[in-house]
C-alpha cells in the first residue's frame, strides 16, 4: 500500500506552492507624544467616519491592541474623529484627522502633542478656534488634567472673549460650541448674547481664547484682531 502511494506523494511534492492570499489593504494606527504615558490602562479608542455606521465598526479598541490595523473601506477619503475614552472615567479627549491622511492605506501616527491653536473668522460674526497638532491633525475635545485626582478628566469647552481694544470693554465671553464635520470650535455673535450697539464701525476688536489644561501645559492664549465693519459684520 505504501509503495502504491509513493508515486502520488512524489507528484504532489513537485507541484508549485499555492499562491499567497493577498492581504486586504488596511490603515495602521499608532499613537505617540507626552500624553501617552498619562492615559489610564483602560483607555479605548473609538473611530468615527461617515462610513462607520454599524456597532462592529464603532467598537472600542483597547490601547493594548495598538498598533491597530483597520479596514481601508472605513476610512478612504474620509475625515475621521478618534475618541479616547476610559471605561471607568468616560471621555478623555478626541482628535480629528483630515481626509488628506486617508488617500491611500498607510501607517498613521496620532500625535498626542501640545496643541498650537489659531483663530480665524468663519463668516461675518462667526469665529472658529482650531486646536491644531499638525497640519492634518487637531484636538476636538481638548485634554484636561485634574490635579486633585491626578488623572485625565472630562474635557471642557474653550471660552472665547471679544474685547474692544480702545477701552478694554469685554463684549462677548462665552463657551464655544463644537461644530460637526470640521476640525473647529466656533463662537457666533447674535443679538441674544451681544449688544451690537457696542460694536463701532472701524474700531478694532480682539478675539481671545485661553486654554487651561490643568497643568499638562502652560496656559495657551490665542488671539485674533479684527476691524469691525458695518458693511461686513452688520449693525
Protein backbone atom coordinates (compact mmCIF):
# COMPACT_ATOMS: atom_id res chain seq x y z
CA UNK A 1 0.00 0.00 0.00
CA UNK A 2 2.77 2.41 0.95
CA UNK A 3 4.61 1.51 -2.27
CA UNK A 4 1.50 2.31 -4.32
CA UNK A 5 1.15 5.73 -2.70
CA UNK A 6 4.78 6.72 -3.26
CA UNK A 7 4.38 7.95 -6.90
CA UNK A 8 1.36 10.04 -5.86
CA UNK A 9 3.24 11.64 -2.97
CA UNK A 10 6.20 12.41 -5.20
CA UNK A 11 3.95 14.04 -7.80
CA UNK A 12 2.27 16.19 -5.14
CA UNK A 13 5.61 17.34 -3.75
CA UNK A 14 6.59 18.55 -7.22
CA UNK A 15 3.59 20.86 -7.52
CA UNK A 16 4.33 24.60 -7.27
CA UNK A 17 3.43 26.22 -3.94
CA UNK A 18 -0.05 27.67 -3.65
CA UNK A 19 -0.13 31.41 -4.32
CA UNK A 20 -0.18 33.58 -1.20
CA UNK A 21 -3.55 35.10 -0.37
CA UNK A 22 -3.29 38.84 -0.87
CA UNK A 23 -3.88 40.80 2.32
CA UNK A 24 -6.67 43.33 2.23
CA UNK A 25 -5.36 46.91 2.40
CA UNK A 26 -5.56 48.49 5.84
CA UNK A 27 -4.78 51.69 7.69
CA UNK A 28 -2.44 51.12 10.62
CA UNK A 29 -2.81 53.40 13.65
CA UNK A 30 -0.25 54.12 16.35
CA UNK A 31 -0.04 56.87 18.98
CA UNK A 32 2.87 58.93 20.27
CA UNK A 33 3.57 62.00 22.38
CA UNK A 34 3.69 63.02 26.05
CA UNK A 35 0.01 62.24 26.69
CA UNK A 36 0.52 58.54 26.00
CA UNK A 37 2.03 57.96 29.45
CA UNK A 38 -0.94 59.71 31.09
CA UNK A 39 -3.61 57.51 29.53
CA UNK A 40 -5.38 55.18 32.00
CA UNK A 41 -4.79 51.48 31.45
CA UNK A 42 -8.43 51.00 30.48
CA UNK A 43 -8.28 53.59 27.67
CA UNK A 44 -10.02 52.59 24.46
CA UNK A 45 -10.04 54.22 21.03
CA UNK A 46 -13.22 54.65 19.01
CA UNK A 47 -13.03 55.68 15.36
CA UNK A 48 -15.79 57.55 13.57
CA UNK A 49 -16.23 58.41 9.91
CA UNK A 50 -19.35 58.76 7.80
CA UNK A 51 -18.67 55.21 6.53
CA UNK A 52 -18.56 53.69 10.03
CA UNK A 53 -22.21 53.12 10.78
CA UNK A 54 -22.57 49.74 12.45
CA UNK A 55 -21.75 48.76 16.02
CA UNK A 56 -18.92 46.47 14.98
CA UNK A 57 -17.06 49.27 13.23
CA UNK A 58 -17.53 51.70 16.12
CA UNK A 59 -16.44 49.21 18.75
CA UNK A 60 -13.86 50.13 21.38
CA UNK A 61 -10.24 49.22 20.68
CA UNK A 62 -8.09 48.89 23.84
CA UNK A 63 -4.76 50.73 23.66
CA UNK A 64 -3.08 47.40 24.42
CA UNK A 65 -4.12 46.33 20.90
CA UNK A 66 -2.01 49.05 19.25
CA UNK A 67 -0.86 49.14 16.53
CA UNK A 68 -4.37 48.79 15.12
CA UNK A 69 -4.93 47.55 11.58
CA UNK A 70 -8.38 48.64 10.39
CA UNK A 71 -10.09 48.17 7.00
CA UNK A 72 -9.36 50.61 4.22
CA UNK A 73 -13.06 50.90 3.42
CA UNK A 74 -13.86 52.52 6.75
CA UNK A 75 -11.56 55.49 6.16
CA UNK A 76 -10.70 56.03 2.49
CA UNK A 77 -11.17 59.73 1.55
CA UNK A 78 -13.00 60.47 4.82
CA UNK A 79 -12.48 62.84 7.73
CA UNK A 80 -12.10 60.82 10.93
CA UNK A 81 -12.55 61.54 14.63
CA UNK A 82 -10.75 59.34 17.15
CA UNK A 83 -12.26 59.32 20.65
CA UNK A 84 -10.04 58.45 23.60
CA UNK A 85 -12.22 57.13 26.40
CA UNK A 86 -11.73 55.43 29.74
CA UNK A 87 -14.17 52.65 30.51
CA UNK A 88 -14.14 53.87 34.13
CA UNK A 89 -13.91 57.67 33.74
CA UNK A 90 -15.62 58.31 30.38
CA UNK A 91 -14.47 60.60 27.57
CA UNK A 92 -10.91 61.93 27.91
CA UNK A 93 -10.36 63.84 24.65
CA UNK A 94 -10.67 63.39 20.90
CA UNK A 95 -8.56 64.01 17.81
CA UNK A 96 -9.77 64.97 14.35
CA UNK A 97 -7.84 63.57 11.39
CA UNK A 98 -8.07 65.21 7.97
CA UNK A 99 -9.23 63.21 4.96
CA UNK A 100 -5.87 64.09 3.38
CA UNK A 101 -4.37 61.33 5.55
CA UNK A 102 -6.70 58.75 4.05
CA UNK A 103 -6.00 58.97 0.33
CA UNK A 104 -4.39 55.52 0.41
CA UNK A 105 -3.64 52.86 3.06
CA UNK A 106 -0.69 53.80 5.26
CA UNK A 107 0.57 53.98 8.82
CA UNK A 108 -0.91 56.94 10.72
CA UNK A 109 0.81 58.20 13.85
CA UNK A 110 -1.73 60.04 16.03
CA UNK A 111 0.46 62.63 17.76
CA UNK A 112 -0.76 63.47 21.26
CA UNK A 113 1.35 66.62 21.49
CA UNK A 114 0.82 70.15 22.77
CA UNK A 115 -1.68 71.98 20.55
CA UNK A 116 -0.83 75.06 18.50
CA UNK A 117 -4.23 76.76 18.21
CA UNK A 118 -5.29 79.58 15.94
CA UNK A 119 -8.44 81.65 15.47
CA UNK A 120 -9.91 82.74 12.19
CA UNK A 121 -13.21 84.27 11.06
CA UNK A 122 -15.60 81.80 9.51
CA UNK A 123 -18.43 84.03 8.32
CA UNK A 124 -19.43 87.58 9.27
CA UNK A 125 -19.95 87.23 13.06
CA UNK A 126 -18.72 83.65 13.34
CA UNK A 127 -15.24 82.82 14.62
CA UNK A 128 -13.51 79.44 14.64
CA UNK A 129 -10.93 78.09 17.10
CA UNK A 130 -8.63 75.39 15.75
CA UNK A 131 -6.55 73.46 18.37
CA UNK A 132 -4.12 72.12 15.75
CA UNK A 133 -1.49 69.48 16.48
CA UNK A 134 -0.18 69.26 12.92
CA UNK A 135 -1.46 70.50 9.58
CA UNK A 136 -3.73 67.44 9.31
CA UNK A 137 -4.46 66.68 12.98
CA UNK A 138 -6.17 68.71 15.68
CA UNK A 139 -7.79 68.16 19.03
CA UNK A 140 -11.54 68.39 19.10
CA UNK A 141 -12.18 67.74 22.78
CA UNK A 142 -9.10 69.20 24.46
CA UNK A 143 -7.30 67.13 27.12
CA UNK A 144 -7.67 68.30 30.72
CA UNK A 145 -5.66 67.12 33.73
CA UNK A 146 -7.47 67.02 37.08
CA UNK A 147 -4.81 67.97 39.63
CA UNK A 148 -6.83 66.60 42.55
CA UNK A 149 -7.48 63.19 41.03
CA UNK A 150 -4.06 63.15 39.28
CA UNK A 151 -5.53 61.87 36.05
CA UNK A 152 -7.10 62.96 32.79
CA UNK A 153 -10.67 64.12 33.33
CA UNK A 154 -13.67 65.14 31.24
CA UNK A 155 -12.76 67.77 28.63
CA UNK A 156 -14.04 71.34 28.90
CA UNK A 157 -15.23 73.60 26.06
CA UNK A 158 -12.94 76.54 25.29
CA UNK A 159 -14.20 80.03 26.17
CA UNK A 160 -13.91 82.90 23.70
CA UNK A 161 -13.72 86.52 24.80
CA UNK A 162 -14.12 89.54 22.48
CA UNK A 163 -12.66 92.81 23.73
CA UNK A 164 -12.76 96.34 22.31
CA UNK A 165 -9.12 97.42 22.22
CA UNK A 166 -9.78 101.14 22.55
CA UNK A 167 -11.11 100.86 26.12
CA UNK A 168 -10.80 97.17 27.10
CA UNK A 169 -14.56 96.61 27.25
CA UNK A 170 -15.48 92.90 27.15
CA UNK A 171 -18.41 92.45 24.75
CA UNK A 172 -18.53 88.66 24.49
CA UNK A 173 -17.40 85.97 26.95
CA UNK A 174 -18.97 82.56 26.39
CA UNK A 175 -18.23 78.88 25.93
CA UNK A 176 -17.68 77.89 22.33
CA UNK A 177 -19.64 75.17 20.57
CA UNK A 178 -18.38 72.12 18.71
CA UNK A 179 -19.20 72.06 15.01
CA UNK A 180 -19.83 68.77 13.22
CA UNK A 181 -17.72 67.67 10.24
CA UNK A 182 -14.97 70.26 10.79
CA UNK A 183 -11.91 70.46 12.98
CA UNK A 184 -13.11 73.59 14.75
CA UNK A 185 -14.82 75.10 17.77
CA UNK A 186 -16.89 78.15 16.95
CA UNK A 187 -18.49 81.17 18.59
CA UNK A 188 -21.27 83.09 16.92
CA UNK A 189 -22.41 86.56 17.92
CA UNK A 190 -26.16 87.07 17.87
CA UNK A 191 -28.41 89.74 19.32
CA UNK A 192 -29.47 87.34 22.06
CA UNK A 193 -25.95 87.35 23.52
CA UNK A 194 -24.33 90.57 22.22
CA UNK A 195 -25.35 94.24 22.32
CA UNK A 196 -24.41 95.28 18.79
CA UNK A 197 -24.69 98.95 19.72
CA UNK A 198 -21.36 98.37 21.48
CA UNK A 199 -19.65 97.47 18.20
CA UNK A 200 -18.41 100.60 16.42
CA UNK A 201 -17.67 100.84 12.72
CA UNK A 202 -13.92 100.99 12.08
CA UNK A 203 -12.91 100.03 15.64
CA UNK A 204 -10.52 97.16 16.33
CA UNK A 205 -11.55 94.20 18.48
CA UNK A 206 -9.69 91.18 19.78
CA UNK A 207 -10.92 87.59 19.94
CA UNK A 208 -9.03 85.58 22.54
CA UNK A 209 -9.21 82.00 23.77
CA UNK A 210 -7.12 80.81 26.71
CA UNK A 211 -6.74 77.05 27.01
CA UNK A 212 -6.10 75.82 30.55
CA UNK A 213 -5.10 72.16 30.51
CA UNK A 214 -4.94 71.68 34.27
CA UNK A 215 -1.15 71.55 34.21
CA UNK A 216 -0.45 69.41 31.15
CA UNK A 217 0.96 72.56 29.53
CA UNK A 218 1.36 76.20 30.42
CA UNK A 219 -1.82 78.18 29.61
CA UNK A 220 -2.06 78.72 25.85
CA UNK A 221 -3.55 82.08 24.87
CA UNK A 222 -4.58 82.58 21.25
CA UNK A 223 -5.69 85.94 19.84
CA UNK A 224 -7.07 87.34 16.62
CA UNK A 225 -7.59 91.07 15.99
CA UNK A 226 -10.16 92.34 13.52
CA UNK A 227 -11.68 95.64 12.46
CA UNK A 228 -15.45 95.75 12.75
CA UNK A 229 -17.12 96.94 9.55
CA UNK A 230 -20.84 97.54 9.26
CA UNK A 231 -20.60 96.57 5.59
CA UNK A 232 -19.24 93.12 6.54
CA UNK A 233 -20.45 92.33 10.04
CA UNK A 234 -23.74 94.23 10.10
CA UNK A 235 -25.10 96.77 12.54
